[in-house]
């Protein structure tokens, strides 16, 4: 069985995490993703530590670039631009992950490329967009979290403003980039017309505020951080104490409150008028916290999870090591191995979108590993490749 995106060719000029995360998802589903990198050094992420495989390659880089090809090309040179024009002729899309004013300078826009392929889709990821007063500004994930309210919503209210623990804006925007590229490709295949599509870190961060933004815009309500990572409108939905630590309960349907009451041997809570609906439980959040702390403190977190057995939505609080060693991760095939030629294998997290017959994953490419193969398929012979290398265009 073929993968869903086999036959789709994506050129990408990308760096660090956001763009590479999105194009990796496309590559995982069978798209041919050709990563265009500077001949000297390539993607800056190739130099990111602090952990390296024994062949000197960055583990950080490998986390975002599996299943791709690497082609070196100096886009600032005339020869490099000529090669780009040839590459575009057989591509479905070109994605970029650059400062907003750079795609125009490097000839990565639809206006520049449409004469070579009127169906080409140019999907751009930038910090603040390609137009407007911040087009030339650099920008990164944590800055977006700071400016769009995430710091005010994350962590305990007694602590300083706090960022989300992962580069969540980078990764969400990378997925938006992949979505934009696929939308453009579908349109181009139907109409024959490509075009530019834009996503920015700032816009994705802002749009993902979701209901807190809706509440403020229409009611003037400013959502703030809540103790114990509580949900702003559902109860019980927060951390509670057990005999050996914490458990997170998330009773986000009415049926789960009676299930919890029975599991804790407190059936009298079910018909208590203070707790009958979400509204009453929300109004009595402090009381419910005390009640559940007392009841849950009788046993360990693990014991409660065994008792709940999925009847009450609950989770232990794990660190990264515990999450990786979780039997539900290890025993269900969510950790897999990639062969690193000449250097054994390394472990990685299985892609979350699973085809019924997935192909074995390939490791992130070496810098320029596929330059000759990709250009050779376009008719570039040994003499032409040698001339481009001499000119330092590849």
Protein backbone atom coordinates (compact mmCIF):
# COMPACT_ATOMS: atom_id res chain seq x y z
CA UNK A 1 0.00 0.00 0.00
CA UNK A 2 1.28 3.47 -0.87
CA UNK A 3 1.48 6.22 1.71
CA UNK A 4 -1.09 9.04 1.38
CA UNK A 5 1.32 11.67 0.05
CA UNK A 6 3.44 9.55 -2.28
CA UNK A 7 3.91 11.44 -5.53
CA UNK A 8 3.88 14.86 -3.83
CA UNK A 9 7.15 16.77 -4.13
CA UNK A 10 7.91 19.52 -1.63
CA UNK A 11 10.92 21.83 -1.79
CA UNK A 12 11.66 23.49 1.54
CA UNK A 13 13.94 26.27 2.70
CA UNK A 14 13.74 25.90 6.46
CA UNK A 15 15.64 26.09 9.71
CA UNK A 16 15.41 25.20 13.40
CA UNK A 17 12.08 23.72 14.50
CA UNK A 18 8.85 25.22 13.15
CA UNK A 19 9.08 24.58 9.42
CA UNK A 20 11.03 21.33 9.79
CA UNK A 21 8.40 19.95 12.18
CA UNK A 22 5.62 20.56 9.66
CA UNK A 23 7.46 19.21 6.63
CA UNK A 24 8.53 16.13 8.61
CA UNK A 25 4.85 15.27 9.04
CA UNK A 26 4.48 15.49 5.25
CA UNK A 27 7.55 13.31 4.74
CA UNK A 28 6.22 10.77 7.23
CA UNK A 29 3.18 10.33 4.99
CA UNK A 30 5.22 9.73 1.86
CA UNK A 31 5.84 13.19 0.41
CA UNK A 32 9.26 13.68 -1.16
CA UNK A 33 10.59 16.54 0.94
CA UNK A 34 13.77 18.10 -0.46
CA UNK A 35 15.45 20.28 2.13
CA UNK A 36 17.42 23.08 0.45
CA UNK A 37 20.36 24.11 2.63
CA UNK A 38 23.27 26.51 2.41
CA UNK A 39 26.41 24.71 1.20
CA UNK A 40 28.35 25.93 4.23
CA UNK A 41 26.83 24.54 7.42
CA UNK A 42 23.26 24.00 6.23
CA UNK A 43 20.35 24.30 8.66
CA UNK A 44 21.52 26.03 11.85
CA UNK A 45 19.94 23.17 13.81
CA UNK A 46 22.72 20.86 12.63
CA UNK A 47 24.95 22.61 15.17
CA UNK A 48 22.50 22.47 18.08
CA UNK A 49 23.52 20.42 21.12
CA UNK A 50 23.97 19.42 23.79
CA UNK A 51 23.47 15.83 22.64
CA UNK A 52 25.09 14.25 19.59
CA UNK A 53 25.24 10.80 18.03
CA UNK A 54 28.67 9.20 17.86
CA UNK A 55 29.03 10.32 14.23
CA UNK A 56 28.83 13.95 15.40
CA UNK A 57 25.28 14.61 14.19
CA UNK A 58 22.89 16.66 16.31
CA UNK A 59 20.13 14.70 17.99
CA UNK A 60 18.07 17.90 17.98
CA UNK A 61 18.34 18.05 14.17
CA UNK A 62 17.36 14.40 13.84
CA UNK A 63 14.23 15.00 15.93
CA UNK A 64 12.80 17.29 13.19
CA UNK A 65 14.15 16.01 9.89
CA UNK A 66 13.59 12.29 9.39
CA UNK A 67 12.48 10.98 6.00
CA UNK A 68 13.78 14.05 4.13
CA UNK A 69 16.36 14.61 1.43
CA UNK A 70 19.06 17.29 1.64
CA UNK A 71 20.25 19.36 -1.29
CA UNK A 72 22.79 22.16 -0.89
CA UNK A 73 22.18 25.33 -2.87
CA UNK A 74 23.33 28.94 -2.57
CA UNK A 75 20.12 30.83 -3.21
CA UNK A 76 21.94 34.16 -3.12
CA UNK A 77 23.91 33.32 -6.26
CA UNK A 78 22.73 33.54 -9.87
CA UNK A 79 23.65 29.90 -10.46
CA UNK A 80 21.70 28.90 -7.37
CA UNK A 81 18.63 30.74 -8.61
CA UNK A 82 18.86 28.96 -11.95
CA UNK A 83 18.96 25.61 -10.17
CA UNK A 84 15.95 26.64 -8.06
CA UNK A 85 14.01 27.47 -11.22
CA UNK A 86 14.71 23.98 -12.55
CA UNK A 87 13.71 22.35 -9.27
CA UNK A 88 10.42 24.24 -9.18
CA UNK A 89 9.36 22.89 -12.57
CA UNK A 90 8.68 19.44 -11.12
CA UNK A 91 7.60 20.45 -7.60
CA UNK A 92 4.13 20.74 -6.12
CA UNK A 93 5.07 23.21 -3.40
CA UNK A 94 7.90 25.23 -1.96
CA UNK A 95 7.73 25.93 1.76
CA UNK A 96 9.90 28.38 3.64
CA UNK A 97 10.60 29.11 7.29
CA UNK A 98 12.32 32.48 7.23
CA UNK A 99 12.07 36.07 8.45
CA UNK A 100 9.15 37.76 6.73
CA UNK A 101 11.17 39.91 4.33
CA UNK A 102 13.51 37.12 3.17
CA UNK A 103 11.37 35.01 0.75
CA UNK A 104 11.09 37.96 -1.64
CA UNK A 105 14.84 38.53 -1.52
CA UNK A 106 15.58 34.87 -2.25
CA UNK A 107 13.05 34.51 -5.04
CA UNK A 108 10.80 32.12 -3.15
CA UNK A 109 7.47 33.80 -3.98
CA UNK A 110 4.83 32.81 -6.49
CA UNK A 111 5.38 35.93 -8.59
CA UNK A 112 9.01 34.96 -9.03
CA UNK A 113 8.42 31.27 -9.72
CA UNK A 114 5.12 31.08 -11.62
CA UNK A 115 6.76 31.44 -15.03
CA UNK A 116 8.57 28.17 -14.36
CA UNK A 117 5.53 26.39 -12.89
CA UNK A 118 2.14 28.13 -12.74
CA UNK A 119 0.86 25.43 -10.36
CA UNK A 120 3.61 25.91 -7.76
CA UNK A 121 2.35 26.55 -4.23
CA UNK A 122 4.56 28.84 -2.14
CA UNK A 123 3.78 28.38 1.55
CA UNK A 124 5.60 30.80 3.83
CA UNK A 125 6.18 30.56 7.59
CA UNK A 126 7.53 33.65 9.32
CA UNK A 127 7.50 35.22 12.76
CA UNK A 128 5.06 38.07 12.10
CA UNK A 129 4.05 37.74 8.44
CA UNK A 130 5.55 38.94 5.17
CA UNK A 131 3.73 42.28 5.27
CA UNK A 132 3.20 44.93 7.91
CA UNK A 133 5.45 46.78 10.36
CA UNK A 134 7.11 43.64 11.73
CA UNK A 135 7.87 41.86 8.46
CA UNK A 136 11.62 42.28 8.97
CA UNK A 137 11.58 41.35 12.66
CA UNK A 138 13.09 38.11 13.89
CA UNK A 139 10.83 36.18 16.23
CA UNK A 140 10.75 32.93 18.13
CA UNK A 141 8.35 30.68 20.00
CA UNK A 142 8.74 31.98 23.54
CA UNK A 143 8.35 35.59 22.40
CA UNK A 144 5.01 34.65 20.84
CA UNK A 145 3.89 32.93 24.01
CA UNK A 146 4.82 36.02 25.99
CA UNK A 147 2.95 38.48 23.74
CA UNK A 148 -0.20 36.45 23.09
CA UNK A 149 -1.06 35.66 26.69
CA UNK A 150 0.31 32.15 27.17
CA UNK A 151 2.61 33.21 30.02
CA UNK A 152 -0.42 34.56 31.88
CA UNK A 153 -2.27 31.26 31.54
CA UNK A 154 0.52 28.78 32.35
CA UNK A 155 1.74 27.70 35.76
CA UNK A 156 0.70 28.51 39.30
CA UNK A 157 -0.70 31.98 40.08
CA UNK A 158 1.87 32.44 42.87
CA UNK A 159 4.81 32.02 40.47
CA UNK A 160 6.28 34.43 37.89
CA UNK A 161 4.82 34.41 34.36
CA UNK A 162 5.61 31.01 32.90
CA UNK A 163 6.08 29.68 29.39
CA UNK A 164 4.65 26.41 28.16
CA UNK A 165 7.20 23.64 28.68
CA UNK A 166 7.63 22.80 24.98
CA UNK A 167 7.99 24.85 21.79
CA UNK A 168 4.28 24.51 21.25
CA UNK A 169 3.95 27.59 19.00
CA UNK A 170 6.73 26.39 16.70
CA UNK A 171 5.13 23.00 16.34
CA UNK A 172 1.57 24.26 15.87
CA UNK A 173 2.79 26.71 13.23
CA UNK A 174 4.76 23.99 11.49
CA UNK A 175 1.59 21.93 11.24
CA UNK A 176 -0.26 25.00 9.93
CA UNK A 177 2.44 25.35 7.26
CA UNK A 178 1.96 21.75 6.16
CA UNK A 179 -1.81 22.26 6.13
CA UNK A 180 -1.42 25.41 4.02
CA UNK A 181 0.82 23.62 1.53
CA UNK A 182 -1.63 20.74 1.13
CA UNK A 183 -4.58 23.13 0.75
CA UNK A 184 -2.68 24.97 -1.96
CA UNK A 185 -1.75 21.74 -3.75
CA UNK A 186 -5.37 20.56 -3.79
CA UNK A 187 -6.46 23.90 -5.25
CA UNK A 188 -3.65 23.88 -7.82
CA UNK A 189 -4.47 20.37 -8.99
CA UNK A 190 -8.11 21.34 -9.43
CA UNK A 191 -7.64 24.77 -11.02
CA UNK A 192 -4.12 24.80 -12.43
CA UNK A 193 -3.26 27.85 -10.36
CA UNK A 194 -0.72 27.95 -7.56
CA UNK A 195 -0.13 30.93 -5.32
CA UNK A 196 1.24 32.20 -2.02
CA UNK A 197 -0.06 31.09 1.37
CA UNK A 198 1.16 32.56 4.64
CA UNK A 199 1.28 31.47 8.26
CA UNK A 200 3.09 33.18 11.10
CA UNK A 201 4.12 32.19 14.58
CA UNK A 202 2.25 35.19 15.97
CA UNK A 203 -1.03 34.49 14.18
CA UNK A 204 -1.05 30.81 15.09
CA UNK A 205 -0.25 31.58 18.73
CA UNK A 206 -3.00 34.20 18.81
CA UNK A 207 -5.62 32.06 17.08
CA UNK A 208 -4.98 29.19 19.47
CA UNK A 209 -6.12 31.28 22.42
CA UNK A 210 -9.54 29.91 21.53
CA UNK A 211 -12.18 30.34 24.21
CA UNK A 212 -10.17 32.70 26.51
CA UNK A 213 -10.04 35.12 23.58
CA UNK A 214 -13.75 34.62 22.90
CA UNK A 215 -14.59 35.28 26.54
CA UNK A 216 -12.59 38.51 26.62
CA UNK A 217 -13.79 39.85 23.26
CA UNK A 218 -17.46 39.30 24.06
CA UNK A 219 -17.65 39.50 27.86
CA UNK A 220 -14.55 41.39 28.96
CA UNK A 221 -13.48 38.38 31.03
CA UNK A 222 -9.71 38.12 31.54
CA UNK A 223 -8.80 34.51 32.20
CA UNK A 224 -6.00 34.08 34.73
CA UNK A 225 -3.94 31.17 35.95
CA UNK A 226 -5.64 28.86 38.40
CA UNK A 227 -4.02 26.90 41.19
CA UNK A 228 -3.28 23.24 40.58
CA UNK A 229 -3.64 23.64 36.80
CA UNK A 230 -7.41 23.76 37.15
CA UNK A 231 -9.74 24.07 34.16
CA UNK A 232 -11.42 27.49 34.01
CA UNK A 233 -14.97 26.14 33.71
CA UNK A 234 -15.03 22.44 34.66
CA UNK A 235 -14.95 20.86 38.14
CA UNK A 236 -13.44 18.47 39.10
CA UNK A 237 -10.67 19.08 36.60
CA UNK A 238 -7.32 19.71 38.27
CA UNK A 239 -4.58 18.18 40.40
CA UNK A 240 -5.57 16.37 43.57
CA UNK A 241 -3.47 14.87 46.34
CA UNK A 242 -2.91 11.15 46.77
CA UNK A 243 -0.94 9.31 49.44
CA UNK A 244 2.25 9.44 47.35
CA UNK A 245 1.86 12.55 45.22
CA UNK A 246 -0.68 13.84 42.73
CA UNK A 247 -3.33 12.68 40.31
CA UNK A 248 -5.06 14.71 37.60
CA UNK A 249 -8.81 14.18 37.25
CA UNK A 250 -10.75 15.48 34.27
CA UNK A 251 -14.46 14.87 34.71
CA UNK A 252 -15.52 16.82 31.64
CA UNK A 253 -18.83 15.03 31.08
CA UNK A 254 -21.70 14.86 33.54
CA UNK A 255 -21.55 11.05 33.68
CA UNK A 256 -18.06 11.11 35.21
CA UNK A 257 -19.08 12.77 38.49
CA UNK A 258 -21.30 9.84 39.54
CA UNK A 259 -18.60 7.42 38.36
CA UNK A 260 -16.02 9.21 40.51
CA UNK A 261 -18.31 9.31 43.53
CA UNK A 262 -18.91 5.56 43.31
CA UNK A 263 -15.22 4.79 42.79
CA UNK A 264 -14.38 6.77 45.93
CA UNK A 265 -17.15 5.04 47.93
CA UNK A 266 -19.11 8.27 48.32
CA UNK A 267 -22.40 7.60 46.50
CA UNK A 268 -24.05 10.32 48.59
CA UNK A 269 -22.22 12.92 46.49
CA UNK A 270 -24.21 11.94 43.39
CA UNK A 271 -27.51 13.50 44.49
CA UNK A 272 -26.07 16.23 46.69
CA UNK A 273 -27.68 19.47 45.39
CA UNK A 274 -24.33 21.25 45.67
CA UNK A 275 -22.83 18.95 43.03
CA UNK A 276 -25.66 18.04 40.65
CA UNK A 277 -24.39 19.83 37.52
CA UNK A 278 -21.29 21.50 36.18
CA UNK A 279 -22.54 24.86 37.42
CA UNK A 280 -23.07 23.71 41.01
CA UNK A 281 -19.74 21.91 41.09
CA UNK A 282 -17.96 24.94 39.68
CA UNK A 283 -19.54 27.12 42.38
CA UNK A 284 -18.20 24.72 45.01
CA UNK A 285 -14.73 24.15 43.58
CA UNK A 286 -12.83 24.78 46.89
CA UNK A 287 -15.11 22.40 48.79
CA UNK A 288 -14.74 19.69 46.15
CA UNK A 289 -10.97 20.12 46.21
CA UNK A 290 -10.90 19.49 49.95
CA UNK A 291 -13.26 16.52 49.67
CA UNK A 292 -11.29 14.88 46.88
CA UNK A 293 -7.92 15.55 48.52
CA UNK A 294 -9.15 13.76 51.61
CA UNK A 295 -10.66 10.81 49.76
CA UNK A 296 -7.80 10.33 47.30
CA UNK A 297 -5.12 10.61 49.99
CA UNK A 298 -6.15 7.19 51.25
CA UNK A 299 -4.30 5.42 48.43
CA UNK A 300 -1.44 5.85 45.96
CA UNK A 301 -1.87 7.31 42.51
CA UNK A 302 -1.13 3.94 40.90
CA UNK A 303 -3.75 2.22 43.03
CA UNK A 304 -6.40 4.75 42.07
CA UNK A 305 -5.60 4.40 38.37
CA UNK A 306 -6.03 0.64 38.65
CA UNK A 307 -9.37 1.12 40.39
CA UNK A 308 -10.61 3.71 37.90
CA UNK A 309 -9.64 1.48 34.94
CA UNK A 310 -10.79 4.12 32.46
CA UNK A 311 -14.18 4.68 34.10
CA UNK A 312 -12.94 8.00 35.49
CA UNK A 313 -10.63 10.12 33.27
CA UNK A 314 -7.43 10.37 35.29
CA UNK A 315 -3.67 10.44 34.89
CA UNK A 316 -0.53 10.20 36.95
CA UNK A 317 1.92 13.11 36.71
CA UNK A 318 4.99 11.83 34.87
CA UNK A 319 8.29 13.44 33.99
CA UNK A 320 9.87 12.88 30.55
CA UNK A 321 11.77 9.77 31.63
CA UNK A 322 8.65 8.23 33.17
CA UNK A 323 6.65 9.10 30.04
CA UNK A 324 9.19 7.33 27.81
CA UNK A 325 9.26 4.27 30.10
CA UNK A 326 5.46 4.12 30.37
CA UNK A 327 4.32 0.61 29.38
CA UNK A 328 1.55 2.17 27.28
CA UNK A 329 4.32 3.81 25.24
CA UNK A 330 6.86 0.98 25.19
CA UNK A 331 4.54 -1.99 24.82
CA UNK A 332 2.30 -0.51 22.12
CA UNK A 333 5.05 0.27 19.60
CA UNK A 334 5.19 4.01 20.14
CA UNK A 335 8.98 3.87 20.38
CA UNK A 336 10.77 2.74 17.25
CA UNK A 337 14.30 2.41 15.89
CA UNK A 338 15.97 4.10 12.94
CA UNK A 339 19.10 2.72 11.33
CA UNK A 340 21.93 5.26 11.28
CA UNK A 341 24.25 3.80 8.62
CA UNK A 342 27.55 2.79 10.11
CA UNK A 343 26.49 3.82 13.61
CA UNK A 344 23.85 1.35 14.73
CA UNK A 345 20.35 2.54 15.53
CA UNK A 346 18.69 5.25 17.56
CA UNK A 347 15.26 5.45 19.14
CA UNK A 348 12.54 7.88 18.16
CA UNK A 349 8.87 8.50 18.76
CA UNK A 350 6.58 6.92 16.20
CA UNK A 351 4.68 9.46 14.06
CA UNK A 352 1.19 9.98 15.52
CA UNK A 353 -0.51 9.63 12.12
CA UNK A 354 -0.27 5.94 11.30
CA UNK A 355 -0.91 4.51 7.85
CA UNK A 356 -2.16 0.94 7.73
CA UNK A 357 1.12 -0.17 6.13
CA UNK A 358 3.79 2.38 7.15
CA UNK A 359 7.20 2.36 5.51
CA UNK A 360 10.39 2.13 7.61
CA UNK A 361 11.62 5.57 8.63
CA UNK A 362 14.83 7.05 7.28
CA UNK A 363 17.18 9.11 9.45
CA UNK A 364 17.66 12.83 8.91
CA UNK A 365 19.91 13.35 5.88
CA UNK A 366 23.53 14.34 5.89
CA UNK A 367 24.18 17.82 4.53
CA UNK A 368 23.88 17.64 0.74
CA UNK A 369 23.41 13.87 0.79
CA UNK A 370 20.96 13.91 -2.12
CA UNK A 371 22.25 16.84 -4.18
CA UNK A 372 23.65 14.72 -7.01
CA UNK A 373 20.67 12.36 -7.12
CA UNK A 374 18.05 15.11 -7.20
CA UNK A 375 19.84 17.26 -9.76
CA UNK A 376 20.88 14.23 -11.77
CA UNK A 377 17.20 13.34 -12.14
CA UNK A 378 16.73 16.80 -13.67
CA UNK A 379 19.39 16.07 -16.28
CA UNK A 380 22.40 17.64 -14.60
CA UNK A 381 25.48 15.69 -15.68
CA UNK A 382 28.81 15.31 -13.91
CA UNK A 383 30.35 18.25 -15.74
CA UNK A 384 27.55 20.63 -14.80
CA UNK A 385 27.58 19.48 -11.18
CA UNK A 386 31.34 20.00 -11.03
CA UNK A 387 30.96 23.53 -12.42
CA UNK A 388 28.31 24.36 -9.83
CA UNK A 389 30.55 23.05 -7.06
CA UNK A 390 33.47 25.07 -8.34
CA UNK A 391 31.27 28.17 -8.23
CA UNK A 392 30.16 27.15 -4.71
CA UNK A 393 26.54 27.22 -5.84
CA UNK A 394 26.01 23.69 -4.48
